[in-house]
Amino acid sequence: MENVSRLRWACRRGMLELDVIFMPFVENHYLQLPQSEKDVFQRLLNADDPDLYAWFMGHQTCDDPEFAKMIKKIHKLNGALV
């Protein structure tokens, strides 16, 4: 899914909190990722919104180590304090 327009659409979620996390990441950092991390990010977008919310807000720990690493990277690149 290298089509960034389609990726932007996939990042539009049912929760504003997730939009605020995903959209700046896609706009500012996604294209510079190595393909392996792009693949992980695209798989991460298939997760359910409640799970994504819990993982990104720190309410739950993600059991998938690749997802957990990507979540940390997104927070870091977006400048989050989490």
PDB file of N, CA and C in Angstrom:
ATOM      1  N   MET A   1       0.851  -1.184   0.000  1.00  0.00           N
ATOM      2  CA  MET A   1       0.000   0.000   0.000  1.00  0.00           C
ATOM      3  C   MET A   1       0.896   1.248   0.000  1.00  0.00           C
ATOM      4  N   GLU A   2       1.659   1.452  -1.045  1.00  0.00           N
ATOM      5  CA  GLU A   2       2.524   2.619  -1.111  1.00  0.00           C
ATOM      6  C   GLU A   2       1.743   3.871  -1.494  1.00  0.00           C
ATOM      7  N   ASN A   3       0.512   3.689  -1.948  1.00  0.00           N
ATOM      8  CA  ASN A   3      -0.331   4.820  -2.289  1.00  0.00           C
ATOM      9  C   ASN A   3      -0.657   5.600  -1.011  1.00  0.00           C
ATOM     10  N   VAL A   4      -0.034   6.751  -0.859  1.00  0.00           N
ATOM     11  CA  VAL A   4      -0.172   7.521   0.381  1.00  0.00           C
ATOM     12  C   VAL A   4      -1.600   8.025   0.570  1.00  0.00           C
ATOM     13  N   SER A   5      -2.296   8.312  -0.507  1.00  0.00           N
ATOM     14  CA  SER A   5      -3.697   8.744  -0.375  1.00  0.00           C
ATOM     15  C   SER A   5      -4.538   7.652   0.264  1.00  0.00           C
ATOM     16  N   ARG A   6      -4.324   6.415  -0.153  1.00  0.00           N
ATOM     17  CA  ARG A   6      -5.069   5.293   0.443  1.00  0.00           C
ATOM     18  C   ARG A   6      -4.660   5.095   1.894  1.00  0.00           C
ATOM     19  N   LEU A   7      -3.385   5.297   2.168  1.00  0.00           N
ATOM     20  CA  LEU A   7      -2.905   5.151   3.533  1.00  0.00           C
ATOM     21  C   LEU A   7      -3.513   6.232   4.432  1.00  0.00           C
ATOM     22  N   ARG A   8      -3.567   7.448   3.937  1.00  0.00           N
ATOM     23  CA  ARG A   8      -4.206   8.531   4.711  1.00  0.00           C
ATOM     24  C   ARG A   8      -5.650   8.163   5.039  1.00  0.00           C
ATOM     25  N   TRP A   9      -6.347   7.624   4.054  1.00  0.00           N
ATOM     26  CA  TRP A   9      -7.741   7.230   4.267  1.00  0.00           C
ATOM     27  C   TRP A   9      -7.825   6.137   5.340  1.00  0.00           C
ATOM     28  N   ALA A  10      -6.903   5.177   5.306  1.00  0.00           N
ATOM     29  CA  ALA A  10      -6.887   4.101   6.301  1.00  0.00           C
ATOM     30  C   ALA A  10      -6.583   4.629   7.700  1.00  0.00           C
ATOM     31  N   CYS A  11      -5.879   5.758   7.769  1.00  0.00           N
ATOM     32  CA  CYS A  11      -5.540   6.361   9.066  1.00  0.00           C
ATOM     33  C   CYS A  11      -6.700   7.137   9.672  1.00  0.00           C
ATOM     34  N   ARG A  12      -7.691   7.439   8.885  1.00  0.00           N
ATOM     35  CA  ARG A  12      -8.877   8.141   9.411  1.00  0.00           C
ATOM     36  C   ARG A  12      -9.697   7.117  10.174  1.00  0.00           C
ATOM     37  N   ARG A  13      -9.749   7.294  11.464  1.00  0.00           N
ATOM     38  CA  ARG A  13     -10.389   6.319  12.330  1.00  0.00           C
ATOM     39  C   ARG A  13     -11.692   6.880  12.878  1.00  0.00           C
ATOM     40  N   GLY A  14     -12.330   6.096  13.716  1.00  0.00           N
ATOM     41  CA  GLY A  14     -13.557   6.540  14.360  1.00  0.00           C
ATOM     42  C   GLY A  14     -13.308   7.372  15.598  1.00  0.00           C
ATOM     43  N   MET A  15     -12.040   7.548  15.956  1.00  0.00           N
ATOM     44  CA  MET A  15     -11.696   8.298  17.166  1.00  0.00           C
ATOM     45  C   MET A  15     -10.740   9.428  16.802  1.00  0.00           C
ATOM     46  N   LEU A  16     -11.080  10.615  17.208  1.00  0.00           N
ATOM     47  CA  LEU A  16     -10.231  11.769  16.942  1.00  0.00           C
ATOM     48  C   LEU A  16      -8.830  11.570  17.517  1.00  0.00           C
ATOM     49  N   GLU A  17      -8.741  10.950  18.681  1.00  0.00           N
ATOM     50  CA  GLU A  17      -7.442  10.732  19.321  1.00  0.00           C
ATOM     51  C   GLU A  17      -6.501   9.940  18.419  1.00  0.00           C
ATOM     52  N   LEU A  18      -7.038   8.960  17.714  1.00  0.00           N
ATOM     53  CA  LEU A  18      -6.206   8.161  16.808  1.00  0.00           C
ATOM     54  C   LEU A  18      -5.857   8.941  15.551  1.00  0.00           C
ATOM     55  N   ASP A  19      -6.794   9.723  15.053  1.00  0.00           N
ATOM     56  CA  ASP A  19      -6.496  10.575  13.887  1.00  0.00           C
ATOM     57  C   ASP A  19      -5.339  11.516  14.197  1.00  0.00           C
ATOM     58  N   VAL A  20      -5.348  12.072  15.389  1.00  0.00           N
ATOM     59  CA  VAL A  20      -4.319  13.031  15.797  1.00  0.00           C
ATOM     60  C   VAL A  20      -2.951  12.354  15.922  1.00  0.00           C
ATOM     61  N   ILE A  21      -2.939  11.084  16.171  1.00  0.00           N
ATOM     62  CA  ILE A  21      -1.678  10.332  16.232  1.00  0.00           C
ATOM     63  C   ILE A  21      -1.232   9.913  14.839  1.00  0.00           C
ATOM     64  N   PHE A  22      -2.134   9.310  14.082  1.00  0.00           N
ATOM     65  CA  PHE A  22      -1.754   8.716  12.799  1.00  0.00           C
ATOM     66  C   PHE A  22      -1.481   9.727  11.695  1.00  0.00           C
ATOM     67  N   MET A  23      -2.293  10.745  11.589  1.00  0.00           N
ATOM     68  CA  MET A  23      -2.158  11.655  10.446  1.00  0.00           C
ATOM     69  C   MET A  23      -0.810  12.388  10.428  1.00  0.00           C
ATOM     70  N   PRO A  24      -0.352  12.978  11.532  1.00  0.00           N
ATOM     71  CA  PRO A  24       0.963  13.628  11.488  1.00  0.00           C
ATOM     72  C   PRO A  24       2.090  12.638  11.191  1.00  0.00           C
ATOM     73  N   PHE A  25       1.955  11.422  11.712  1.00  0.00           N
ATOM     74  CA  PHE A  25       2.970  10.406  11.453  1.00  0.00           C
ATOM     75  C   PHE A  25       3.054  10.092   9.964  1.00  0.00           C
ATOM     76  N   VAL A  26       1.917   9.884   9.341  1.00  0.00           N
ATOM     77  CA  VAL A  26       1.903   9.566   7.910  1.00  0.00           C
ATOM     78  C   VAL A  26       2.417  10.743   7.094  1.00  0.00           C
ATOM     79  N   GLU A  27       1.971  11.927   7.423  1.00  0.00           N
ATOM     80  CA  GLU A  27       2.361  13.116   6.668  1.00  0.00           C
ATOM     81  C   GLU A  27       3.857  13.426   6.788  1.00  0.00           C
ATOM     82  N   ASN A  28       4.429  13.197   7.963  1.00  0.00           N
ATOM     83  CA  ASN A  28       5.785  13.657   8.231  1.00  0.00           C
ATOM     84  C   ASN A  28       6.865  12.580   8.276  1.00  0.00           C
ATOM     85  N   HIS A  29       6.473  11.313   8.473  1.00  0.00           N
ATOM     86  CA  HIS A  29       7.503  10.304   8.730  1.00  0.00           C
ATOM     87  C   HIS A  29       7.371   9.006   7.940  1.00  0.00           C
ATOM     88  N   TYR A  30       6.170   8.652   7.547  1.00  0.00           N
ATOM     89  CA  TYR A  30       5.937   7.334   6.945  1.00  0.00           C
ATOM     90  C   TYR A  30       6.849   7.058   5.746  1.00  0.00           C
ATOM     91  N   LEU A  31       6.964   7.985   4.826  1.00  0.00           N
ATOM     92  CA  LEU A  31       7.714   7.733   3.595  1.00  0.00           C
ATOM     93  C   LEU A  31       9.202   7.481   3.845  1.00  0.00           C
ATOM     94  N   GLN A  32       9.730   7.927   4.983  1.00  0.00           N
ATOM     95  CA  GLN A  32      11.141   7.715   5.289  1.00  0.00           C
ATOM     96  C   GLN A  32      11.403   6.375   5.972  1.00  0.00           C
ATOM     97  N   LEU A  33      10.366   5.651   6.324  1.00  0.00           N
ATOM     98  CA  LEU A  33      10.548   4.363   6.996  1.00  0.00           C
ATOM     99  C   LEU A  33      11.101   3.325   6.030  1.00  0.00           C
ATOM    100  N   PRO A  34      11.884   2.385   6.564  1.00  0.00           N
ATOM    101  CA  PRO A  34      12.254   1.238   5.728  1.00  0.00           C
ATOM    102  C   PRO A  34      11.001   0.405   5.427  1.00  0.00           C
ATOM    103  N   GLN A  35      11.027  -0.340   4.345  1.00  0.00           N
ATOM    104  CA  GLN A  35       9.849  -1.099   3.924  1.00  0.00           C
ATOM    105  C   GLN A  35       9.327  -2.023   5.024  1.00  0.00           C
ATOM    106  N   SER A  36      10.230  -2.625   5.782  1.00  0.00           N
ATOM    107  CA  SER A  36       9.791  -3.543   6.843  1.00  0.00           C
ATOM    108  C   SER A  36       8.920  -2.821   7.878  1.00  0.00           C
ATOM    109  N   GLU A  37       9.274  -1.580   8.213  1.00  0.00           N
ATOM    110  CA  GLU A  37       8.470  -0.817   9.176  1.00  0.00           C
ATOM    111  C   GLU A  37       7.179  -0.311   8.546  1.00  0.00           C
ATOM    112  N   LYS A  38       7.209   0.010   7.265  1.00  0.00           N
ATOM    113  CA  LYS A  38       5.973   0.380   6.568  1.00  0.00           C
ATOM    114  C   LYS A  38       4.992  -0.786   6.629  1.00  0.00           C
ATOM    115  N   ASP A  39       5.506  -1.995   6.427  1.00  0.00           N
ATOM    116  CA  ASP A  39       4.649  -3.185   6.472  1.00  0.00           C
ATOM    117  C   ASP A  39       4.023  -3.361   7.854  1.00  0.00           C
ATOM    118  N   VAL A  40       4.812  -3.153   8.901  1.00  0.00           N
ATOM    119  CA  VAL A  40       4.292  -3.275  10.270  1.00  0.00           C
ATOM    120  C   VAL A  40       3.222  -2.215  10.510  1.00  0.00           C
ATOM    121  N   PHE A  41       3.481  -0.989  10.089  1.00  0.00           N
ATOM    122  CA  PHE A  41       2.505   0.085  10.280  1.00  0.00           C
ATOM    123  C   PHE A  41       1.193  -0.246   9.568  1.00  0.00           C
ATOM    124  N   GLN A  42       1.288  -0.744   8.356  1.00  0.00           N
ATOM    125  CA  GLN A  42       0.079  -1.094   7.608  1.00  0.00           C
ATOM    126  C   GLN A  42      -0.688  -2.215   8.296  1.00  0.00           C
ATOM    127  N   ARG A  43       0.019  -3.178   8.868  1.00  0.00           N
ATOM    128  CA  ARG A  43      -0.662  -4.245   9.613  1.00  0.00           C
ATOM    129  C   ARG A  43      -1.283  -3.681  10.891  1.00  0.00           C
ATOM    130  N   LEU A  44      -0.584  -2.748  11.529  1.00  0.00           N
ATOM    131  CA  LEU A  44      -1.103  -2.123  12.744  1.00  0.00           C
ATOM    132  C   LEU A  44      -2.449  -1.447  12.482  1.00  0.00           C
ATOM    133  N   LEU A  45      -2.589  -0.861  11.307  1.00  0.00           N
ATOM    134  CA  LEU A  45      -3.847  -0.179  10.975  1.00  0.00           C
ATOM    135  C   LEU A  45      -5.031  -1.137  10.860  1.00  0.00           C
ATOM    136  N   ASN A  46      -4.772  -2.431  10.773  1.00  0.00           N
ATOM    137  CA  ASN A  46      -5.856  -3.419  10.728  1.00  0.00           C
ATOM    138  C   ASN A  46      -6.411  -3.750  12.109  1.00  0.00           C
ATOM    139  N   ALA A  47      -5.735  -3.290  13.154  1.00  0.00           N
ATOM    140  CA  ALA A  47      -6.213  -3.548  14.516  1.00  0.00           C
ATOM    141  C   ALA A  47      -7.482  -2.736  14.775  1.00  0.00           C
ATOM    142  N   ASP A  48      -8.250  -3.200  15.722  1.00  0.00           N
ATOM    143  CA  ASP A  48      -9.490  -2.512  16.098  1.00  0.00           C
ATOM    144  C   ASP A  48      -9.179  -1.209  16.832  1.00  0.00           C
ATOM    145  N   ASP A  49     -10.023  -0.215  16.619  1.00  0.00           N
ATOM    146  CA  ASP A  49      -9.825   1.089  17.245  1.00  0.00           C
ATOM    147  C   ASP A  49      -9.703   1.025  18.766  1.00  0.00           C
ATOM    148  N   PRO A  50     -10.557   0.258  19.475  1.00  0.00           N
ATOM    149  CA  PRO A  50     -10.401   0.213  20.942  1.00  0.00           C
ATOM    150  C   PRO A  50      -9.027  -0.313  21.369  1.00  0.00           C
ATOM    151  N   ASP A  51      -8.500  -1.294  20.634  1.00  0.00           N
ATOM    152  CA  ASP A  51      -7.170  -1.811  20.957  1.00  0.00           C
ATOM    153  C   ASP A  51      -6.104  -0.752  20.671  1.00  0.00           C
ATOM    154  N   LEU A  52      -6.193  -0.122  19.501  1.00  0.00           N
ATOM    155  CA  LEU A  52      -5.230   0.925  19.156  1.00  0.00           C
ATOM    156  C   LEU A  52      -5.242   2.031  20.206  1.00  0.00           C
ATOM    157  N   TYR A  53      -6.424   2.451  20.584  1.00  0.00           N
ATOM    158  CA  TYR A  53      -6.559   3.506  21.588  1.00  0.00           C
ATOM    159  C   TYR A  53      -5.881   3.093  22.896  1.00  0.00           C
ATOM    160  N   ALA A  54      -6.177   1.885  23.357  1.00  0.00           N
ATOM    161  CA  ALA A  54      -5.607   1.406  24.622  1.00  0.00           C
ATOM    162  C   ALA A  54      -4.082   1.332  24.540  1.00  0.00           C
ATOM    163  N   TRP A  55      -3.551   0.872  23.421  1.00  0.00           N
ATOM    164  CA  TRP A  55      -2.097   0.763  23.265  1.00  0.00           C
ATOM    165  C   TRP A  55      -1.438   2.133  23.197  1.00  0.00           C
ATOM    166  N   PHE A  56      -1.992   3.026  22.397  1.00  0.00           N
ATOM    167  CA  PHE A  56      -1.371   4.335  22.226  1.00  0.00           C
ATOM    168  C   PHE A  56      -1.508   5.214  23.454  1.00  0.00           C
ATOM    169  N   MET A  57      -2.577   5.031  24.211  1.00  0.00           N
ATOM    170  CA  MET A  57      -2.768   5.834  25.419  1.00  0.00           C
ATOM    171  C   MET A  57      -2.071   5.222  26.633  1.00  0.00           C
ATOM    172  N   GLY A  58      -1.499   4.030  26.453  1.00  0.00           N
ATOM    173  CA  GLY A  58      -0.779   3.385  27.542  1.00  0.00           C
ATOM    174  C   GLY A  58      -1.667   2.667  28.536  1.00  0.00           C
ATOM    175  N   HIS A  59      -2.927   2.423  28.177  1.00  0.00           N
ATOM    176  CA  HIS A  59      -3.844   1.723  29.071  1.00  0.00           C
ATOM    177  C   HIS A  59      -3.591   0.220  29.061  1.00  0.00           C
ATOM    178  N   GLN A  60      -3.055  -0.277  27.954  1.00  0.00           N
ATOM    179  CA  GLN A  60      -2.716  -1.690  27.811  1.00  0.00           C
ATOM    180  C   GLN A  60      -1.394  -1.793  27.076  1.00  0.00           C
ATOM    181  N   THR A  61      -0.715  -2.918  27.296  1.00  0.00           N
ATOM    182  CA  THR A  61       0.506  -3.203  26.562  1.00  0.00           C
ATOM    183  C   THR A  61       0.149  -4.127  25.402  1.00  0.00           C
ATOM    184  N   CYS A  62       0.670  -3.812  24.247  1.00  0.00           N
ATOM    185  CA  CYS A  62       0.427  -4.639  23.074  1.00  0.00           C
ATOM    186  C   CYS A  62       1.299  -5.881  23.155  1.00  0.00           C
ATOM    187  N   ASP A  63       0.696  -7.043  22.930  1.00  0.00           N
ATOM    188  CA  ASP A  63       1.424  -8.309  23.001  1.00  0.00           C
ATOM    189  C   ASP A  63       2.306  -8.564  21.782  1.00  0.00           C
ATOM    190  N   ASP A  64       1.998  -7.925  20.670  1.00  0.00           N
ATOM    191  CA  ASP A  64       2.781  -8.107  19.447  1.00  0.00           C
ATOM    192  C   ASP A  64       4.029  -7.220  19.539  1.00  0.00           C
ATOM    193  N   PRO A  65       5.222  -7.823  19.570  1.00  0.00           N
ATOM    194  CA  PRO A  65       6.436  -7.019  19.748  1.00  0.00           C
ATOM    195  C   PRO A  65       6.691  -6.042  18.598  1.00  0.00           C
ATOM    196  N   GLU A  66       6.319  -6.401  17.378  1.00  0.00           N
ATOM    197  CA  GLU A  66       6.494  -5.477  16.253  1.00  0.00           C
ATOM    198  C   GLU A  66       5.572  -4.273  16.386  1.00  0.00           C
ATOM    199  N   PHE A  67       4.332  -4.515  16.788  1.00  0.00           N
ATOM    200  CA  PHE A  67       3.390  -3.419  16.999  1.00  0.00           C
ATOM    201  C   PHE A  67       3.867  -2.526  18.139  1.00  0.00           C
ATOM    202  N   ALA A  68       4.312  -3.141  19.237  1.00  0.00           N
ATOM    203  CA  ALA A  68       4.778  -2.366  20.389  1.00  0.00           C
ATOM    204  C   ALA A  68       5.943  -1.464  19.997  1.00  0.00           C
ATOM    205  N   LYS A  69       6.852  -1.985  19.206  1.00  0.00           N
ATOM    206  CA  LYS A  69       7.992  -1.191  18.741  1.00  0.00           C
ATOM    207  C   LYS A  69       7.522  -0.041  17.838  1.00  0.00           C
ATOM    208  N   MET A  70       6.569  -0.311  16.964  1.00  0.00           N
ATOM    209  CA  MET A  70       6.052   0.727  16.070  1.00  0.00           C
ATOM    210  C   MET A  70       5.311   1.798  16.863  1.00  0.00           C
ATOM    211  N   ILE A  71       4.552   1.409  17.857  1.00  0.00           N
ATOM    212  CA  ILE A  71       3.834   2.370  18.697  1.00  0.00           C
ATOM    213  C   ILE A  71       4.825   3.308  19.382  1.00  0.00           C
ATOM    214  N   LYS A  72       5.906   2.745  19.921  1.00  0.00           N
ATOM    215  CA  LYS A  72       6.948   3.578  20.539  1.00  0.00           C
ATOM    216  C   LYS A  72       7.558   4.530  19.528  1.00  0.00           C
ATOM    217  N   LYS A  73       7.823   4.028  18.332  1.00  0.00           N
ATOM    218  CA  LYS A  73       8.437   4.854  17.286  1.00  0.00           C
ATOM    219  C   LYS A  73       7.506   5.998  16.892  1.00  0.00           C
ATOM    220  N   ILE A  74       6.225   5.700  16.742  1.00  0.00           N
ATOM    221  CA  ILE A  74       5.252   6.739  16.375  1.00  0.00           C
ATOM    222  C   ILE A  74       5.206   7.813  17.458  1.00  0.00           C
ATOM    223  N   HIS A  75       5.153   7.378  18.718  1.00  0.00           N
ATOM    224  CA  HIS A  75       5.154   8.357  19.812  1.00  0.00           C
ATOM    225  C   HIS A  75       6.404   9.223  19.750  1.00  0.00           C
ATOM    226  N   LYS A  76       7.547   8.597  19.562  1.00  0.00           N
ATOM    227  CA  LYS A  76       8.808   9.345  19.538  1.00  0.00           C
ATOM    228  C   LYS A  76       8.840  10.335  18.368  1.00  0.00           C
ATOM    229  N   LEU A  77       8.489   9.868  17.183  1.00  0.00           N
ATOM    230  CA  LEU A  77       8.541  10.732  16.002  1.00  0.00           C
ATOM    231  C   LEU A  77       7.497  11.852  16.067  1.00  0.00           C
ATOM    232  N   ASN A  78       6.375  11.582  16.708  1.00  0.00           N
ATOM    233  CA  ASN A  78       5.341  12.611  16.850  1.00  0.00           C
ATOM    234  C   ASN A  78       5.642  13.558  18.017  1.00  0.00           C
ATOM    235  N   GLY A  79       6.665  13.235  18.802  1.00  0.00           N
ATOM    236  CA  GLY A  79       7.026  14.107  19.914  1.00  0.00           C
ATOM    237  C   GLY A  79       6.192  13.907  21.163  1.00  0.00           C
ATOM    238  N   ALA A  80       5.604  12.717  21.310  1.00  0.00           N
ATOM    239  CA  ALA A  80       4.770  12.445  22.486  1.00  0.00           C
ATOM    240  C   ALA A  80       5.651  12.231  23.716  1.00  0.00           C
ATOM    241  N   LEU A  81       5.083  12.489  24.852  1.00  0.00           N
ATOM    242  CA  LEU A  81       5.797  12.302  26.112  1.00  0.00           C
ATOM    243  C   LEU A  81       5.607  10.919  26.680  1.00  0.00           C
ATOM    244  N   VAL A  82       4.823  10.083  26.021  1.00  0.00           N
ATOM    245  CA  VAL A  82       4.536   8.734  26.535  1.00  0.00           C
ATOM    246  C   VAL A  82       5.701   7.823  26.266  1.00  0.00           C
TER     247      VAL A  82
END
